[in-house]
C-alpha atoms as a PDB file:
ATOM      1  CA  MET A   1       1.623 -25.780  -0.835  1.00  0.00           C
ATOM      2  CA  SER A   2       3.082 -29.297  -0.753  1.00  0.00           C
ATOM      3  CA  TRP A   3       0.532 -30.465   1.787  1.00  0.00           C
ATOM      4  CA  PHE A   4      -2.278 -28.912  -0.247  1.00  0.00           C
ATOM      5  CA  PHE A   5      -1.115 -30.842  -3.329  1.00  0.00           C
ATOM      6  CA  LEU A   6      -0.751 -34.031  -1.310  1.00  0.00           C
ATOM      7  CA  ILE A   7      -4.270 -33.831   0.112  1.00  0.00           C
ATOM      8  CA  LEU A   8      -5.660 -32.959  -3.324  1.00  0.00           C
ATOM      9  CA  ALA A   9      -3.766 -35.918  -4.809  1.00  0.00           C
ATOM     10  CA  GLY A  10      -5.380 -38.238  -2.245  1.00  0.00           C
ATOM     11  CA  LEU A  11      -8.849 -36.899  -2.985  1.00  0.00           C
ATOM     12  CA  LEU A  12      -8.247 -37.308  -6.710  1.00  0.00           C
ATOM     13  CA  GLU A  13      -7.051 -40.854  -6.048  1.00  0.00           C
ATOM     14  CA  THR A  14     -10.425 -41.546  -4.499  1.00  0.00           C
ATOM     15  CA  GLY A  15     -11.999 -40.228  -7.707  1.00  0.00           C
ATOM     16  CA  TRP A  16     -10.138 -42.604  -9.973  1.00  0.00           C
ATOM     17  CA  ALA A  17     -10.711 -45.563  -7.656  1.00  0.00           C
ATOM     18  CA  VAL A  18     -14.446 -44.852  -7.744  1.00  0.00           C
ATOM     19  CA  GLY A  19     -14.170 -44.486 -11.506  1.00  0.00           C
ATOM     20  CA  LEU A  20     -12.526 -47.902 -11.830  1.00  0.00           C
ATOM     21  CA  LYS A  21     -15.411 -49.459  -9.907  1.00  0.00           C
ATOM     22  CA  ALA A  22     -17.911 -47.662 -12.151  1.00  0.00           C
ATOM     23  CA  ILE A  23     -16.050 -48.889 -15.244  1.00  0.00           C
ATOM     24  CA  ALA A  24     -16.104 -52.435 -13.887  1.00  0.00           C
ATOM     25  CA  GLU A  25     -19.866 -52.253 -13.391  1.00  0.00           C
ATOM     26  CA  LYS A  26     -20.861 -50.422 -16.570  1.00  0.00           C
ATOM     27  CA  PRO A  27     -18.056 -49.300 -18.871  1.00  0.00           C
ATOM     28  CA  ASN A  28     -18.555 -46.308 -21.120  1.00  0.00           C
ATOM     29  CA  ILE A  29     -16.272 -43.782 -22.718  1.00  0.00           C
ATOM     30  CA  ALA A  30     -17.342 -40.861 -20.495  1.00  0.00           C
ATOM     31  CA  ILE A  31     -16.561 -42.729 -17.272  1.00  0.00           C
ATOM     32  CA  ILE A  32     -13.252 -43.914 -18.726  1.00  0.00           C
ATOM     33  CA  ALA A  33     -12.336 -40.326 -19.694  1.00  0.00           C
ATOM     34  CA  VAL A  34     -13.227 -38.893 -16.278  1.00  0.00           C
ATOM     35  CA  THR A  35     -11.376 -41.704 -14.493  1.00  0.00           C
ATOM     36  CA  THR A  36      -8.307 -41.096 -16.656  1.00  0.00           C
ATOM     37  CA  PHE A  37      -8.450 -37.390 -15.829  1.00  0.00           C
ATOM     38  CA  PHE A  38      -8.581 -38.132 -12.080  1.00  0.00           C
ATOM     39  CA  LEU A  39      -5.684 -40.583 -12.409  1.00  0.00           C
ATOM     40  CA  VAL A  40      -3.426 -38.165 -14.276  1.00  0.00           C
ATOM     41  CA  ALA A  41      -4.374 -35.231 -12.030  1.00  0.00           C
ATOM     42  CA  SER A  42      -3.721 -37.316  -8.906  1.00  0.00           C
ATOM     43  CA  MET A  43      -0.278 -38.322 -10.126  1.00  0.00           C
ATOM     44  CA  ALA A  44       0.537 -34.734 -11.104  1.00  0.00           C
ATOM     45  CA  CYS A  45      -0.450 -33.429  -7.660  1.00  0.00           C
ATOM     46  CA  LEU A  46       1.489 -36.209  -5.948  1.00  0.00           C
ATOM     47  CA  THR A  47       4.540 -35.295  -8.005  1.00  0.00           C
ATOM     48  CA  LEU A  48       4.204 -31.644  -7.002  1.00  0.00           C
ATOM     49  CA  ALA A  49       3.886 -32.629  -3.342  1.00  0.00           C
ATOM     50  CA  MET A  50       6.994 -34.791  -3.558  1.00  0.00           C
ATOM     51  CA  ARG A  51       9.099 -31.811  -4.609  1.00  0.00           C
ATOM     52  CA  ASN A  52       9.240 -30.812  -0.937  1.00  0.00           C
ATOM     53  CA  LEU A  53       7.910 -33.796   1.006  1.00  0.00           C
ATOM     54  CA  PRO A  54       9.737 -37.094   1.457  1.00  0.00           C
ATOM     55  CA  LEU A  55       8.517 -40.260  -0.246  1.00  0.00           C
ATOM     56  CA  GLY A  56       7.998 -41.870   3.169  1.00  0.00           C
ATOM     57  CA  ILE A  57       5.470 -39.157   4.015  1.00  0.00           C
ATOM     58  CA  SER A  58       3.878 -38.519   0.631  1.00  0.00           C
ATOM     59  CA  TYR A  59       3.062 -42.028  -0.487  1.00  0.00           C
ATOM     60  CA  PRO A  60       1.469 -43.321   2.745  1.00  0.00           C
ATOM     61  CA  VAL A  61      -0.640 -40.176   3.157  1.00  0.00           C
ATOM     62  CA  TRP A  62      -1.717 -40.296  -0.520  1.00  0.00           C
ATOM     63  CA  THR A  63      -2.750 -43.944  -0.364  1.00  0.00           C
ATOM     64  CA  GLY A  64      -4.363 -43.492   3.044  1.00  0.00           C
ATOM     65  CA  ILE A  65      -6.584 -40.650   1.868  1.00  0.00           C
ATOM     66  CA  GLY A  66      -7.487 -42.659  -1.223  1.00  0.00           C
ATOM     67  CA  SER A  67      -8.233 -45.761   0.854  1.00  0.00           C
ATOM     68  CA  VAL A  68     -10.506 -44.038   3.341  1.00  0.00           C
ATOM     69  CA  GLY A  69     -12.197 -42.049   0.566  1.00  0.00           C
ATOM     70  CA  SER A  70     -12.808 -45.269  -1.358  1.00  0.00           C
ATOM     71  CA  ILE A  71     -14.414 -46.872   1.676  1.00  0.00           C
ATOM     72  CA  ILE A  72     -16.721 -43.879   2.114  1.00  0.00           C
ATOM     73  CA  PHE A  73     -17.713 -43.806  -1.564  1.00  0.00           C
ATOM     74  CA  GLY A  74     -18.151 -47.580  -1.589  1.00  0.00           C
ATOM     75  CA  VAL A  75     -20.772 -47.247   1.117  1.00  0.00           C
ATOM     76  CA  LEU A  76     -22.466 -44.092  -0.187  1.00  0.00           C
ATOM     77  CA  VAL A  77     -22.415 -44.737  -3.937  1.00  0.00           C
ATOM     78  CA  PHE A  78     -22.164 -48.503  -4.375  1.00  0.00           C
ATOM     79  CA  ASN A  79     -24.178 -49.545  -1.291  1.00  0.00           C
ATOM     80  CA  GLU A  80     -21.329 -51.652   0.055  1.00  0.00           C
ATOM     81  CA  ASN A  81     -21.702 -52.935   3.604  1.00  0.00           C
ATOM     82  CA  LEU A  82     -19.225 -52.140   6.350  1.00  0.00           C
ATOM     83  CA  GLN A  83     -18.379 -54.505   9.144  1.00  0.00           C
ATOM     84  CA  LEU A  84     -16.911 -53.441  12.459  1.00  0.00           C
ATOM     85  CA  GLY A  85     -13.477 -54.545  11.247  1.00  0.00           C
ATOM     86  CA  ASN A  86     -13.766 -52.281   8.186  1.00  0.00           C
ATOM     87  CA  ILE A  87     -14.589 -49.307  10.370  1.00  0.00           C
ATOM     88  CA  ALA A  88     -11.757 -50.106  12.774  1.00  0.00           C
ATOM     89  CA  GLY A  89      -9.338 -50.532   9.860  1.00  0.00           C
ATOM     90  CA  ALA A  90     -10.341 -47.181   8.356  1.00  0.00           C
ATOM     91  CA  GLY A  91      -9.878 -45.575  11.767  1.00  0.00           C
ATOM     92  CA  LEU A  92      -6.379 -47.047  12.007  1.00  0.00           C
ATOM     93  CA  ILE A  93      -5.549 -45.747   8.525  1.00  0.00           C
ATOM     94  CA  ILE A  94      -6.666 -42.262   9.587  1.00  0.00           C
ATOM     95  CA  LEU A  95      -4.621 -42.536  12.780  1.00  0.00           C
ATOM     96  CA  GLY A  96      -1.627 -43.656  10.730  1.00  0.00           C
ATOM     97  CA  ILE A  97      -1.979 -40.717   8.348  1.00  0.00           C
ATOM     98  CA  LEU A  98      -2.119 -38.319  11.294  1.00  0.00           C
ATOM     99  CA  LEU A  99       0.924 -39.886  12.957  1.00  0.00           C
ATOM    100  CA  VAL A 100       2.947 -39.753   9.742  1.00  0.00           C
ATOM    101  CA  ALA A 101       1.865 -36.166   9.044  1.00  0.00           C
ATOM    102  CA  LEU A 102       2.472 -34.903  12.585  1.00  0.00           C
ATOM    103  CA  ASN A 103       5.926 -36.446  12.721  1.00  0.00           C
ATOM    104  CA  SER A 104       7.016 -35.046   9.355  1.00  0.00           C
ATOM    105  CA  HIS A 105       8.174 -31.649  10.631  1.00  0.00           C
END
C-alpha cells in the first residue's frame, strides 16, 4: 500500500502544481480551494507512504512524479513549449525514479 500512496501523492502533487499555475494566471476561490485540497491530500498520502518507505525513496519519487506530471500538464493545458533539453531532462527524471524505486527493496 505504501507504493500506492506514494504514486497517488505524486499525482496529487501534479494537481496542486497545476492549480498554482492556474491561480497565478486567473485567481478565483474555486481554483484556490481545489488546489488546497490537492496540496493537503498529496501531503497526507506522502505521510502514509513514509510510514513504511524511507525518506530517501519517498521524497525523490514524489517530486519526480510531480515534476514530470507538471511538464505534461504544462504542455497540454497551458500550451507551454518543450525543447529537446526539456524532454531529455524529463526522461532522466523518469529514469531516476525507476532506479530509486528498483533499488529500494
